[in-house]
Amino acid sequence: MSDLEVHGPLVTQLAAPKIPEGERVDFDDIHRKRMEKDLLELQTLIDVHFEQRKKEEEELIGLKDRIESRRAERAEQQRVRAEKERHRQTRIAKTRRQKYEVSHLAENIQNWYFKNG
């Protein structure tokens, strides 16, 4: 689909120059009017182009902001997850150490009991 179909007519329709019925035709006037019409059409196309670029630039900035926000959010999630995992590993190590100490204590008590018993 072209810009004309999407955005509607870009240029106001100018009437074709009237050619006088007499013998004299002012080709310079016809050429000047044609140049004015072409210039107006070109200016309109340029305006539409830059409006579209501005919209796309705003969308791009918004997308970059979303990406940066998401990266920061993910970094925070990973930091929290790593901290939780570190605490979990510490808890597991502590529990294992306590079990080890209890088992050695029980072993020491048994050894003492059998020696002194």
C-alpha atoms as a PDB file:
ATOM      1  CA  MET A   1       0.000   0.000   0.000  1.00  0.00           C
ATOM      2  CA  SER A   2       1.406   3.394  -0.860  1.00  0.00           C
ATOM      3  CA  ASP A   3       1.463   6.446   1.402  1.00  0.00           C
ATOM      4  CA  LEU A   4      -1.321   7.894  -0.715  1.00  0.00           C
ATOM      5  CA  GLU A   5      -3.602   4.967   0.098  1.00  0.00           C
ATOM      6  CA  VAL A   6      -2.719   4.914   3.794  1.00  0.00           C
ATOM      7  CA  HIS A   7      -2.746   8.620   4.567  1.00  0.00           C
ATOM      8  CA  GLY A   8      -5.326   9.764   2.062  1.00  0.00           C
ATOM      9  CA  PRO A   9      -4.681  12.450  -0.507  1.00  0.00           C
ATOM     10  CA  LEU A  10      -1.506  14.320   0.294  1.00  0.00           C
ATOM     11  CA  VAL A  11      -1.950  17.321  -1.958  1.00  0.00           C
ATOM     12  CA  THR A  12      -4.986  19.460  -2.376  1.00  0.00           C
ATOM     13  CA  GLN A  13      -6.102  19.074  -5.933  1.00  0.00           C
ATOM     14  CA  LEU A  14      -5.208  22.142  -7.944  1.00  0.00           C
ATOM     15  CA  ALA A  15      -7.228  22.947 -10.996  1.00  0.00           C
ATOM     16  CA  ALA A  16      -5.455  22.473 -14.279  1.00  0.00           C
ATOM     17  CA  PRO A  17      -4.384  25.791 -15.738  1.00  0.00           C
ATOM     18  CA  LYS A  18      -6.942  27.262 -18.100  1.00  0.00           C
ATOM     19  CA  ILE A  19      -5.690  27.675 -21.596  1.00  0.00           C
ATOM     20  CA  PRO A  20      -7.052  30.879 -23.020  1.00  0.00           C
ATOM     21  CA  GLU A  21      -9.151  30.557 -26.112  1.00  0.00           C
ATOM     22  CA  GLY A  22      -7.319  33.300 -27.914  1.00  0.00           C
ATOM     23  CA  GLU A  23      -4.277  32.883 -30.099  1.00  0.00           C
ATOM     24  CA  ARG A  24      -1.762  33.544 -27.359  1.00  0.00           C
ATOM     25  CA  VAL A  25      -0.870  30.823 -24.872  1.00  0.00           C
ATOM     26  CA  ASP A  26       1.393  31.833 -22.003  1.00  0.00           C
ATOM     27  CA  PHE A  27       3.611  28.774 -21.683  1.00  0.00           C
ATOM     28  CA  ASP A  28       5.706  30.469 -19.024  1.00  0.00           C
ATOM     29  CA  ASP A  29       2.600  30.844 -16.854  1.00  0.00           C
ATOM     30  CA  ILE A  30       1.625  27.205 -17.459  1.00  0.00           C
ATOM     31  CA  HIS A  31       5.169  26.103 -16.611  1.00  0.00           C
ATOM     32  CA  ARG A  32       5.251  28.279 -13.473  1.00  0.00           C
ATOM     33  CA  LYS A  33       1.906  26.885 -12.247  1.00  0.00           C
ATOM     34  CA  ARG A  34       3.102  23.340 -12.926  1.00  0.00           C
ATOM     35  CA  MET A  35       6.315  24.028 -10.982  1.00  0.00           C
ATOM     36  CA  GLU A  36       4.293  25.479  -8.067  1.00  0.00           C
ATOM     37  CA  LYS A  37       2.062  22.412  -8.052  1.00  0.00           C
ATOM     38  CA  ASP A  38       5.093  20.083  -8.135  1.00  0.00           C
ATOM     39  CA  LEU A  39       6.790  22.061  -5.354  1.00  0.00           C
ATOM     40  CA  LEU A  40       3.664  21.907  -3.194  1.00  0.00           C
ATOM     41  CA  GLU A  41       3.392  18.154  -3.764  1.00  0.00           C
ATOM     42  CA  LEU A  42       7.066  17.662  -2.941  1.00  0.00           C
ATOM     43  CA  GLN A  43       6.788  19.748   0.241  1.00  0.00           C
ATOM     44  CA  THR A  44       3.773  17.704   1.301  1.00  0.00           C
ATOM     45  CA  LEU A  45       5.625  14.439   0.685  1.00  0.00           C
ATOM     46  CA  ILE A  46       8.603  15.733   2.665  1.00  0.00           C
ATOM     47  CA  ASP A  47       6.333  16.755   5.561  1.00  0.00           C
ATOM     48  CA  VAL A  48       4.653  13.338   5.598  1.00  0.00           C
ATOM     49  CA  HIS A  49       8.038  11.625   5.459  1.00  0.00           C
ATOM     50  CA  PHE A  50       9.413  13.568   8.415  1.00  0.00           C
ATOM     51  CA  GLU A  51       6.223  13.112  10.435  1.00  0.00           C
ATOM     52  CA  GLN A  52       6.535   9.371   9.888  1.00  0.00           C
ATOM     53  CA  ARG A  53      10.228   9.465  10.840  1.00  0.00           C
ATOM     54  CA  LYS A  54       9.375  11.384  14.001  1.00  0.00           C
ATOM     55  CA  LYS A  55       6.747   8.763  14.954  1.00  0.00           C
ATOM     56  CA  GLU A  56       9.170   5.933  14.227  1.00  0.00           C
ATOM     57  CA  GLU A  57      11.899   7.662  16.250  1.00  0.00           C
ATOM     58  CA  GLU A  58       9.513   8.030  19.209  1.00  0.00           C
ATOM     59  CA  GLU A  59       8.577   4.352  18.919  1.00  0.00           C
ATOM     60  CA  LEU A  60      12.260   3.414  18.786  1.00  0.00           C
ATOM     61  CA  ILE A  61      13.027   5.476  21.897  1.00  0.00           C
ATOM     62  CA  GLY A  62      10.090   3.835  23.681  1.00  0.00           C
ATOM     63  CA  LEU A  63      11.323   0.397  22.647  1.00  0.00           C
ATOM     64  CA  LYS A  64      14.864   1.159  23.833  1.00  0.00           C
ATOM     65  CA  ASP A  65      13.450   2.357  27.163  1.00  0.00           C
ATOM     66  CA  ARG A  66      11.420  -0.856  27.516  1.00  0.00           C
ATOM     67  CA  ILE A  67      14.476  -2.973  26.703  1.00  0.00           C
ATOM     68  CA  GLU A  68      16.616  -1.129  29.247  1.00  0.00           C
ATOM     69  CA  SER A  69      13.874  -1.383  31.866  1.00  0.00           C
ATOM     70  CA  ARG A  70      13.509  -5.115  31.198  1.00  0.00           C
ATOM     71  CA  ARG A  71      17.290  -5.619  31.453  1.00  0.00           C
ATOM     72  CA  ALA A  72      17.363  -3.848  34.806  1.00  0.00           C
ATOM     73  CA  GLU A  73      14.389  -5.888  36.008  1.00  0.00           C
ATOM     74  CA  ARG A  74      16.052  -9.151  34.919  1.00  0.00           C
ATOM     75  CA  ALA A  75      19.342  -8.175  36.587  1.00  0.00           C
ATOM     76  CA  GLU A  76      17.472  -7.508  39.842  1.00  0.00           C
ATOM     77  CA  GLN A  77      15.619 -10.834  39.559  1.00  0.00           C
ATOM     78  CA  GLN A  78      18.896 -12.684  38.986  1.00  0.00           C
ATOM     79  CA  ARG A  79      20.541 -10.902  41.919  1.00  0.00           C
ATOM     80  CA  VAL A  80      17.645 -11.844  44.234  1.00  0.00           C
ATOM     81  CA  ARG A  81      17.647 -15.410  42.925  1.00  0.00           C
ATOM     82  CA  ALA A  82      21.418 -15.743  43.481  1.00  0.00           C
ATOM     83  CA  GLU A  83      21.061 -14.362  47.016  1.00  0.00           C
ATOM     84  CA  LYS A  84      18.282 -16.850  47.806  1.00  0.00           C
ATOM     85  CA  GLU A  85      20.394 -19.683  46.409  1.00  0.00           C
ATOM     86  CA  ARG A  86      23.384 -18.573  48.498  1.00  0.00           C
ATOM     87  CA  HIS A  87      21.180 -18.579  51.630  1.00  0.00           C
ATOM     88  CA  ARG A  88      19.819 -22.003  50.700  1.00  0.00           C
ATOM     89  CA  GLN A  89      23.323 -23.413  50.248  1.00  0.00           C
ATOM     90  CA  THR A  90      24.384 -21.909  53.590  1.00  0.00           C
ATOM     91  CA  ARG A  91      21.348 -23.495  55.284  1.00  0.00           C
ATOM     92  CA  ILE A  92      22.112 -26.883  53.699  1.00  0.00           C
ATOM     93  CA  ALA A  93      25.757 -26.690  54.794  1.00  0.00           C
ATOM     94  CA  LYS A  94      24.728 -25.723  58.322  1.00  0.00           C
ATOM     95  CA  THR A  95      22.239 -28.605  58.502  1.00  0.00           C
ATOM     96  CA  ARG A  96      24.871 -31.069  57.252  1.00  0.00           C
ATOM     97  CA  ARG A  97      27.401 -29.751  59.757  1.00  0.00           C
ATOM     98  CA  GLN A  98      24.860 -30.126  62.594  1.00  0.00           C
ATOM     99  CA  LYS A  99      24.042 -33.691  61.511  1.00  0.00           C
ATOM    100  CA  TYR A 100      27.753 -34.466  61.321  1.00  0.00           C
ATOM    101  CA  GLU A 101      28.359 -32.992  64.778  1.00  0.00           C
ATOM    102  CA  VAL A 102      25.399 -34.888  66.233  1.00  0.00           C
ATOM    103  CA  SER A 103      26.558 -38.159  64.684  1.00  0.00           C
ATOM    104  CA  HIS A 104      30.090 -37.647  66.007  1.00  0.00           C
ATOM    105  CA  LEU A 105      28.726 -36.708  69.416  1.00  0.00           C
ATOM    106  CA  ALA A 106      26.639 -39.884  69.478  1.00  0.00           C
ATOM    107  CA  GLU A 107      29.698 -41.871  68.375  1.00  0.00           C
ATOM    108  CA  ASN A 108      31.809 -40.279  71.094  1.00  0.00           C
ATOM    109  CA  ILE A 109      29.152 -41.075  73.707  1.00  0.00           C
ATOM    110  CA  GLN A 110      28.995 -44.678  72.528  1.00  0.00           C
ATOM    111  CA  ASN A 111      32.779 -44.970  72.602  1.00  0.00           C
ATOM    112  CA  TRP A 112      32.907 -43.484  76.103  1.00  0.00           C
ATOM    113  CA  TYR A 113      30.090 -45.772  77.279  1.00  0.00           C
ATOM    114  CA  PHE A 114      31.838 -48.874  75.951  1.00  0.00           C
ATOM    115  CA  LYS A 115      35.146 -47.839  77.476  1.00  0.00           C
ATOM    116  CA  ASN A 116      33.769 -46.817  80.834  1.00  0.00           C
ATOM    117  CA  GLY A 117      30.682 -48.846  80.856  1.00  0.00           C
END
